[in-house]
């Protein structure tokens, strides 16, 4: 399973989310700065941070804690 954490530099919520996600997943997370593509900016600008599973197209939007991330991972692993 490969997850994406959408965020941007200088976003304190994105930094918080990264800590939470790292506590749940030791590897398999790509950190993507939405500033890199206009499409990501349009889709996620007011919603970041967002944890995304590209395989199932499921998203977990902020706010989330470790328990919500763990539930999300279990849910997308079994879809």
PDB file of N, CA and C in Angstrom:
ATOM      1  N   UNK A   1       0.849  -1.176   0.000  1.00  0.00           N
ATOM      2  CA  UNK A   1       0.000   0.000   0.000  1.00  0.00           C
ATOM      3  C   UNK A   1       0.888   1.230   0.000  1.00  0.00           C
ATOM      4  N   UNK A   2       0.552   2.148  -0.874  1.00  0.00           N
ATOM      5  CA  UNK A   2       1.286   3.411  -0.988  1.00  0.00           C
ATOM      6  C   UNK A   2       0.301   4.546  -0.768  1.00  0.00           C
ATOM      7  N   UNK A   3       0.540   5.397   0.218  1.00  0.00           N
ATOM      8  CA  UNK A   3      -0.333   6.521   0.516  1.00  0.00           C
ATOM      9  C   UNK A   3       0.338   7.823   0.123  1.00  0.00           C
ATOM     10  N   UNK A   4      -0.469   8.854  -0.092  1.00  0.00           N
ATOM     11  CA  UNK A   4       0.032  10.192  -0.392  1.00  0.00           C
ATOM     12  C   UNK A   4      -0.499  11.139   0.667  1.00  0.00           C
ATOM     13  N   UNK A   5       0.387  11.971   1.207  1.00  0.00           N
ATOM     14  CA  UNK A   5      -0.031  13.034   2.104  1.00  0.00           C
ATOM     15  C   UNK A   5       0.142  14.345   1.359  1.00  0.00           C
ATOM     16  N   UNK A   6      -0.983  14.956   0.993  1.00  0.00           N
ATOM     17  CA  UNK A   6      -0.955  16.235   0.300  1.00  0.00           C
ATOM     18  C   UNK A   6      -0.836  17.347   1.329  1.00  0.00           C
ATOM     19  N   UNK A   7       0.061  18.277   1.063  1.00  0.00           N
ATOM     20  CA  UNK A   7       0.256  19.426   1.931  1.00  0.00           C
ATOM     21  C   UNK A   7       1.041  20.485   1.185  1.00  0.00           C
ATOM     22  N   UNK A   8       1.655  21.384   1.942  1.00  0.00           N
ATOM     23  CA  UNK A   8       2.515  22.390   1.336  1.00  0.00           C
ATOM     24  C   UNK A   8       3.492  22.886   2.388  1.00  0.00           C
ATOM     25  N   UNK A   9       4.581  23.457   1.947  1.00  0.00           N
ATOM     26  CA  UNK A   9       5.598  23.931   2.883  1.00  0.00           C
ATOM     27  C   UNK A   9       5.077  25.136   3.653  1.00  0.00           C
ATOM     28  N   UNK A  10       5.483  25.227   4.900  1.00  0.00           N
ATOM     29  CA  UNK A  10       5.072  26.332   5.750  1.00  0.00           C
ATOM     30  C   UNK A  10       3.693  26.166   6.369  1.00  0.00           C
ATOM     31  N   UNK A  11       3.065  25.032   6.163  1.00  0.00           N
ATOM     32  CA  UNK A  11       1.726  24.761   6.706  1.00  0.00           C
ATOM     33  C   UNK A  11       1.893  23.994   8.023  1.00  0.00           C
ATOM     34  N   UNK A  12       1.567  24.642   9.133  1.00  0.00           N
ATOM     35  CA  UNK A  12       1.754  23.983  10.430  1.00  0.00           C
ATOM     36  C   UNK A  12       0.829  22.779  10.601  1.00  0.00           C
ATOM     37  N   UNK A  13      -0.349  22.815  10.014  1.00  0.00           N
ATOM     38  CA  UNK A  13      -1.238  21.652  10.088  1.00  0.00           C
ATOM     39  C   UNK A  13      -0.655  20.475   9.316  1.00  0.00           C
ATOM     40  N   UNK A  14      -0.004  20.775   8.179  1.00  0.00           N
ATOM     41  CA  UNK A  14       0.626  19.721   7.375  1.00  0.00           C
ATOM     42  C   UNK A  14       1.785  19.090   8.145  1.00  0.00           C
ATOM     43  N   UNK A  15       2.517  19.899   8.881  1.00  0.00           N
ATOM     44  CA  UNK A  15       3.611  19.373   9.704  1.00  0.00           C
ATOM     45  C   UNK A  15       3.066  18.472  10.799  1.00  0.00           C
ATOM     46  N   UNK A  16       1.956  18.883  11.421  1.00  0.00           N
ATOM     47  CA  UNK A  16       1.295  18.047  12.433  1.00  0.00           C
ATOM     48  C   UNK A  16       0.832  16.728  11.835  1.00  0.00           C
ATOM     49  N   UNK A  17       0.217  16.813  10.668  1.00  0.00           N
ATOM     50  CA  UNK A  17      -0.281  15.616   9.994  1.00  0.00           C
ATOM     51  C   UNK A  17       0.852  14.664   9.655  1.00  0.00           C
ATOM     52  N   UNK A  18       1.978  15.200   9.236  1.00  0.00           N
ATOM     53  CA  UNK A  18       3.125  14.359   8.891  1.00  0.00           C
ATOM     54  C   UNK A  18       3.606  13.574  10.106  1.00  0.00           C
ATOM     55  N   UNK A  19       3.632  14.205  11.266  1.00  0.00           N
ATOM     56  CA  UNK A  19       4.036  13.519  12.502  1.00  0.00           C
ATOM     57  C   UNK A  19       3.061  12.385  12.814  1.00  0.00           C
ATOM     58  N   UNK A  20       1.777  12.664  12.688  1.00  0.00           N
ATOM     59  CA  UNK A  20       0.750  11.650  12.976  1.00  0.00           C
ATOM     60  C   UNK A  20       0.862  10.480  12.007  1.00  0.00           C
ATOM     61  N   UNK A  21       0.984  10.776  10.720  1.00  0.00           N
ATOM     62  CA  UNK A  21       1.068   9.717   9.713  1.00  0.00           C
ATOM     63  C   UNK A  21       2.336   8.894   9.917  1.00  0.00           C
ATOM     64  N   UNK A  22       3.444   9.550  10.226  1.00  0.00           N
ATOM     65  CA  UNK A  22       4.700   8.822  10.463  1.00  0.00           C
ATOM     66  C   UNK A  22       4.606   7.894  11.666  1.00  0.00           C
ATOM     67  N   UNK A  23       3.780   8.237  12.639  1.00  0.00           N
ATOM     68  CA  UNK A  23       3.587   7.370  13.805  1.00  0.00           C
ATOM     69  C   UNK A  23       2.805   6.111  13.442  1.00  0.00           C
ATOM     70  N   UNK A  24       2.042   6.183  12.355  1.00  0.00           N
ATOM     71  CA  UNK A  24       1.198   5.052  11.940  1.00  0.00           C
ATOM     72  C   UNK A  24       1.807   4.218  10.829  1.00  0.00           C
ATOM     73  N   UNK A  25       2.612   4.835   9.992  1.00  0.00           N
ATOM     74  CA  UNK A  25       3.148   4.174   8.805  1.00  0.00           C
ATOM     75  C   UNK A  25       4.651   4.409   8.766  1.00  0.00           C
ATOM     76  N   UNK A  26       5.431   3.331   8.822  1.00  0.00           N
ATOM     77  CA  UNK A  26       6.885   3.500   8.818  1.00  0.00           C
ATOM     78  C   UNK A  26       7.428   3.792   7.424  1.00  0.00           C
ATOM     79  N   UNK A  27       6.765   3.274   6.403  1.00  0.00           N
ATOM     80  CA  UNK A  27       7.150   3.569   5.025  1.00  0.00           C
ATOM     81  C   UNK A  27       5.921   3.419   4.151  1.00  0.00           C
ATOM     82  N   UNK A  28       6.006   3.895   2.940  1.00  0.00           N
ATOM     83  CA  UNK A  28       4.879   3.783   2.043  1.00  0.00           C
ATOM     84  C   UNK A  28       4.054   5.043   1.943  1.00  0.00           C
ATOM     85  N   UNK A  29       4.611   6.182   2.422  1.00  0.00           N
ATOM     86  CA  UNK A  29       3.905   7.454   2.318  1.00  0.00           C
ATOM     87  C   UNK A  29       4.738   8.410   1.478  1.00  0.00           C
ATOM     88  N   UNK A  30       4.100   8.973   0.457  1.00  0.00           N
ATOM     89  CA  UNK A  30       4.733  10.006  -0.358  1.00  0.00           C
ATOM     90  C   UNK A  30       4.183  11.347   0.102  1.00  0.00           C
ATOM     91  N   UNK A  31       5.067  12.291   0.366  1.00  0.00           N
ATOM     92  CA  UNK A  31       4.663  13.619   0.782  1.00  0.00           C
ATOM     93  C   UNK A  31       4.689  14.509  -0.448  1.00  0.00           C
ATOM     94  N   UNK A  32       3.526  15.032  -0.822  1.00  0.00           N
ATOM     95  CA  UNK A  32       3.385  15.789  -2.058  1.00  0.00           C
ATOM     96  C   UNK A  32       2.996  17.225  -1.728  1.00  0.00           C
ATOM     97  N   UNK A  33       3.784  18.167  -2.255  1.00  0.00           N
ATOM     98  CA  UNK A  33       3.491  19.579  -2.089  1.00  0.00           C
ATOM     99  C   UNK A  33       2.519  19.990  -3.189  1.00  0.00           C
ATOM    100  N   UNK A  34       1.347  20.468  -2.797  1.00  0.00           N
ATOM    101  CA  UNK A  34       0.331  20.805  -3.792  1.00  0.00           C
ATOM    102  C   UNK A  34       0.760  21.959  -4.688  1.00  0.00           C
ATOM    103  N   UNK A  35       1.767  22.709  -4.278  1.00  0.00           N
ATOM    104  CA  UNK A  35       2.248  23.822  -5.103  1.00  0.00           C
ATOM    105  C   UNK A  35       2.919  23.337  -6.385  1.00  0.00           C
ATOM    106  N   UNK A  36       3.241  22.052  -6.453  1.00  0.00           N
ATOM    107  CA  UNK A  36       3.936  21.501  -7.616  1.00  0.00           C
ATOM    108  C   UNK A  36       3.044  21.385  -8.847  1.00  0.00           C
ATOM    109  N   UNK A  37       1.727  21.274  -8.656  1.00  0.00           N
ATOM    110  CA  UNK A  37       0.824  21.137  -9.805  1.00  0.00           C
ATOM    111  C   UNK A  37      -0.448  21.934  -9.565  1.00  0.00           C
ATOM    112  N   UNK A  38      -0.880  22.633 -10.588  1.00  0.00           N
ATOM    113  CA  UNK A  38      -2.083  23.460 -10.488  1.00  0.00           C
ATOM    114  C   UNK A  38      -3.310  22.631 -10.118  1.00  0.00           C
ATOM    115  N   UNK A  39      -3.403  21.424 -10.674  1.00  0.00           N
ATOM    116  CA  UNK A  39      -4.537  20.547 -10.379  1.00  0.00           C
ATOM    117  C   UNK A  39      -4.624  20.266  -8.877  1.00  0.00           C
ATOM    118  N   UNK A  40      -3.491  19.993  -8.248  1.00  0.00           N
ATOM    119  CA  UNK A  40      -3.482  19.723  -6.805  1.00  0.00           C
ATOM    120  C   UNK A  40      -3.871  20.975  -6.027  1.00  0.00           C
ATOM    121  N   UNK A  41      -3.410  22.127  -6.479  1.00  0.00           N
ATOM    122  CA  UNK A  41      -3.767  23.372  -5.796  1.00  0.00           C
ATOM    123  C   UNK A  41      -5.270  23.587  -5.840  1.00  0.00           C
ATOM    124  N   UNK A  42      -5.863  23.377  -7.011  1.00  0.00           N
ATOM    125  CA  UNK A  42      -7.302  23.564  -7.159  1.00  0.00           C
ATOM    126  C   UNK A  42      -8.092  22.577  -6.303  1.00  0.00           C
ATOM    127  N   UNK A  43      -7.612  21.355  -6.239  1.00  0.00           N
ATOM    128  CA  UNK A  43      -8.346  20.309  -5.540  1.00  0.00           C
ATOM    129  C   UNK A  43      -8.163  20.361  -4.024  1.00  0.00           C
ATOM    130  N   UNK A  44      -6.965  20.731  -3.550  1.00  0.00           N
ATOM    131  CA  UNK A  44      -6.657  20.578  -2.133  1.00  0.00           C
ATOM    132  C   UNK A  44      -6.314  21.865  -1.385  1.00  0.00           C
ATOM    133  N   UNK A  45      -6.284  23.017  -2.048  1.00  0.00           N
ATOM    134  CA  UNK A  45      -5.787  24.247  -1.427  1.00  0.00           C
ATOM    135  C   UNK A  45      -6.420  24.568  -0.077  1.00  0.00           C
ATOM    136  N   UNK A  46      -7.725  24.455   0.033  1.00  0.00           N
ATOM    137  CA  UNK A  46      -8.390  24.793   1.297  1.00  0.00           C
ATOM    138  C   UNK A  46      -8.652  23.565   2.159  1.00  0.00           C
ATOM    139  N   UNK A  47      -8.156  22.412   1.731  1.00  0.00           N
ATOM    140  CA  UNK A  47      -8.451  21.165   2.449  1.00  0.00           C
ATOM    141  C   UNK A  47      -7.232  20.515   3.086  1.00  0.00           C
ATOM    142  N   UNK A  48      -6.027  20.973   2.767  1.00  0.00           N
ATOM    143  CA  UNK A  48      -4.830  20.292   3.247  1.00  0.00           C
ATOM    144  C   UNK A  48      -4.698  20.436   4.755  1.00  0.00           C
ATOM    145  N   UNK A  49      -4.076  19.444   5.348  1.00  0.00           N
ATOM    146  CA  UNK A  49      -3.516  18.216   4.802  1.00  0.00           C
ATOM    147  C   UNK A  49      -4.584  17.163   4.513  1.00  0.00           C
ATOM    148  N   UNK A  50      -4.291  16.358   3.493  1.00  0.00           N
ATOM    149  CA  UNK A  50      -5.190  15.272   3.089  1.00  0.00           C
ATOM    150  C   UNK A  50      -4.362  14.017   2.867  1.00  0.00           C
ATOM    151  N   UNK A  51      -4.762  12.934   3.506  1.00  0.00           N
ATOM    152  CA  UNK A  51      -4.143  11.639   3.286  1.00  0.00           C
ATOM    153  C   UNK A  51      -4.964  10.919   2.219  1.00  0.00           C
ATOM    154  N   UNK A  52      -4.285  10.392   1.208  1.00  0.00           N
ATOM    155  CA  UNK A  52      -4.958   9.857   0.025  1.00  0.00           C
ATOM    156  C   UNK A  52      -4.401   8.486  -0.327  1.00  0.00           C
ATOM    157  N   UNK A  53      -5.311   7.574  -0.646  1.00  0.00           N
ATOM    158  CA  UNK A  53      -4.921   6.254  -1.134  1.00  0.00           C
ATOM    159  C   UNK A  53      -5.201   6.210  -2.637  1.00  0.00           C
ATOM    160  N   UNK A  54      -4.166   6.253  -3.476  1.00  0.00           N
ATOM    161  CA  UNK A  54      -4.391   6.300  -4.922  1.00  0.00           C
ATOM    162  C   UNK A  54      -5.043   5.031  -5.490  1.00  0.00           C
ATOM    163  N   UNK A  55      -4.894   3.921  -4.808  1.00  0.00           N
ATOM    164  CA  UNK A  55      -5.481   2.679  -5.303  1.00  0.00           C
ATOM    165  C   UNK A  55      -7.000   2.679  -5.183  1.00  0.00           C
ATOM    166  N   UNK A  56      -7.502   3.107  -4.028  1.00  0.00           N
ATOM    167  CA  UNK A  56      -8.950   3.104  -3.802  1.00  0.00           C
ATOM    168  C   UNK A  56      -9.583   4.473  -4.029  1.00  0.00           C
ATOM    169  N   UNK A  57      -8.753   5.487  -4.189  1.00  0.00           N
ATOM    170  CA  UNK A  57      -9.198   6.877  -4.375  1.00  0.00           C
ATOM    171  C   UNK A  57      -9.912   7.429  -3.129  1.00  0.00           C
ATOM    172  N   UNK A  58      -9.661   6.824  -1.981  1.00  0.00           N
ATOM    173  CA  UNK A  58     -10.237   7.282  -0.722  1.00  0.00           C
ATOM    174  C   UNK A  58      -9.352   8.365  -0.108  1.00  0.00           C
ATOM    175  N   UNK A  59      -9.983   9.321   0.579  1.00  0.00           N
ATOM    176  CA  UNK A  59      -9.269  10.420   1.210  1.00  0.00           C
ATOM    177  C   UNK A  59      -9.638  10.514   2.678  1.00  0.00           C
ATOM    178  N   UNK A  60      -8.673  10.970   3.459  1.00  0.00           N
ATOM    179  CA  UNK A  60      -8.908  11.318   4.860  1.00  0.00           C
ATOM    180  C   UNK A  60      -8.470  12.760   5.015  1.00  0.00           C
ATOM    181  N   UNK A  61      -9.442  13.630   5.229  1.00  0.00           N
ATOM    182  CA  UNK A  61      -9.151  15.050   5.352  1.00  0.00           C
ATOM    183  C   UNK A  61      -8.913  15.460   6.796  1.00  0.00           C
ATOM    184  N   UNK A  62      -8.227  16.555   6.954  1.00  0.00           N
ATOM    185  CA  UNK A  62      -7.950  17.136   8.261  1.00  0.00           C
ATOM    186  C   UNK A  62      -9.250  17.658   8.849  1.00  0.00           C
ATOM    187  N   UNK A  63      -9.477  17.568  10.135  1.00  0.00           N
ATOM    188  CA  UNK A  63      -8.545  17.121  11.162  1.00  0.00           C
ATOM    189  C   UNK A  63      -8.596  15.604  11.352  1.00  0.00           C
ATOM    190  N   UNK A  64      -7.425  15.034  11.640  1.00  0.00           N
ATOM    191  CA  UNK A  64      -7.358  13.623  11.989  1.00  0.00           C
ATOM    192  C   UNK A  64      -6.289  13.418  13.042  1.00  0.00           C
ATOM    193  N   UNK A  65      -6.466  12.324  13.776  1.00  0.00           N
ATOM    194  CA  UNK A  65      -5.498  11.938  14.796  1.00  0.00           C
ATOM    195  C   UNK A  65      -4.982  10.543  14.447  1.00  0.00           C
ATOM    196  N   UNK A  66      -4.147  10.008  15.310  1.00  0.00           N
ATOM    197  CA  UNK A  66      -3.543   8.713  15.029  1.00  0.00           C
ATOM    198  C   UNK A  66      -4.604   7.617  14.879  1.00  0.00           C
ATOM    199  N   UNK A  67      -5.625   7.638  15.699  1.00  0.00           N
ATOM    200  CA  UNK A  67      -6.654   6.616  15.628  1.00  0.00           C
ATOM    201  C   UNK A  67      -7.407   6.692  14.288  1.00  0.00           C
ATOM    202  N   UNK A  68      -7.717   7.891  13.820  1.00  0.00           N
ATOM    203  CA  UNK A  68      -8.411   8.036  12.536  1.00  0.00           C
ATOM    204  C   UNK A  68      -7.535   7.572  11.380  1.00  0.00           C
ATOM    205  N   UNK A  69      -6.231   7.849  11.454  1.00  0.00           N
ATOM    206  CA  UNK A  69      -5.316   7.395  10.394  1.00  0.00           C
ATOM    207  C   UNK A  69      -5.243   5.877  10.389  1.00  0.00           C
ATOM    208  N   UNK A  70      -5.136   5.271  11.558  1.00  0.00           N
ATOM    209  CA  UNK A  70      -5.088   3.809  11.631  1.00  0.00           C
ATOM    210  C   UNK A  70      -6.379   3.193  11.089  1.00  0.00           C
ATOM    211  N   UNK A  71      -7.524   3.781  11.421  1.00  0.00           N
ATOM    212  CA  UNK A  71      -8.806   3.292  10.888  1.00  0.00           C
ATOM    213  C   UNK A  71      -8.851   3.433   9.368  1.00  0.00           C
ATOM    214  N   UNK A  72      -8.372   4.560   8.849  1.00  0.00           N
ATOM    215  CA  UNK A  72      -8.332   4.793   7.409  1.00  0.00           C
ATOM    216  C   UNK A  72      -7.473   3.735   6.720  1.00  0.00           C
ATOM    217  N   UNK A  73      -6.316   3.455   7.282  1.00  0.00           N
ATOM    218  CA  UNK A  73      -5.406   2.460   6.694  1.00  0.00           C
ATOM    219  C   UNK A  73      -6.062   1.087   6.679  1.00  0.00           C
ATOM    220  N   UNK A  74      -6.699   0.711   7.764  1.00  0.00           N
ATOM    221  CA  UNK A  74      -7.403  -0.587   7.800  1.00  0.00           C
ATOM    222  C   UNK A  74      -8.522  -0.627   6.764  1.00  0.00           C
ATOM    223  N   UNK A  75      -9.265   0.456   6.646  1.00  0.00           N
ATOM    224  CA  UNK A  75     -10.395   0.504   5.724  1.00  0.00           C
ATOM    225  C   UNK A  75      -9.932   0.387   4.277  1.00  0.00           C
ATOM    226  N   UNK A  76      -8.914   1.129   3.880  1.00  0.00           N
ATOM    227  CA  UNK A  76      -8.476   1.082   2.476  1.00  0.00           C
ATOM    228  C   UNK A  76      -7.747  -0.211   2.160  1.00  0.00           C
ATOM    229  N   UNK A  77      -7.193  -0.852   3.167  1.00  0.00           N
ATOM    230  CA  UNK A  77      -6.498  -2.116   2.929  1.00  0.00           C
ATOM    231  C   UNK A  77      -7.475  -3.239   2.601  1.00  0.00           C
ATOM    232  N   UNK A  78      -8.735  -3.082   3.011  1.00  0.00           N
ATOM    233  CA  UNK A  78      -9.715  -4.151   2.824  1.00  0.00           C
ATOM    234  C   UNK A  78     -10.795  -3.822   1.814  1.00  0.00           C
ATOM    235  N   UNK A  79     -10.705  -2.707   1.135  1.00  0.00           N
ATOM    236  CA  UNK A  79     -11.711  -2.347   0.116  1.00  0.00           C
ATOM    237  C   UNK A  79     -11.499  -3.203  -1.108  1.00  0.00           C
TER     238      UNK A  79
END
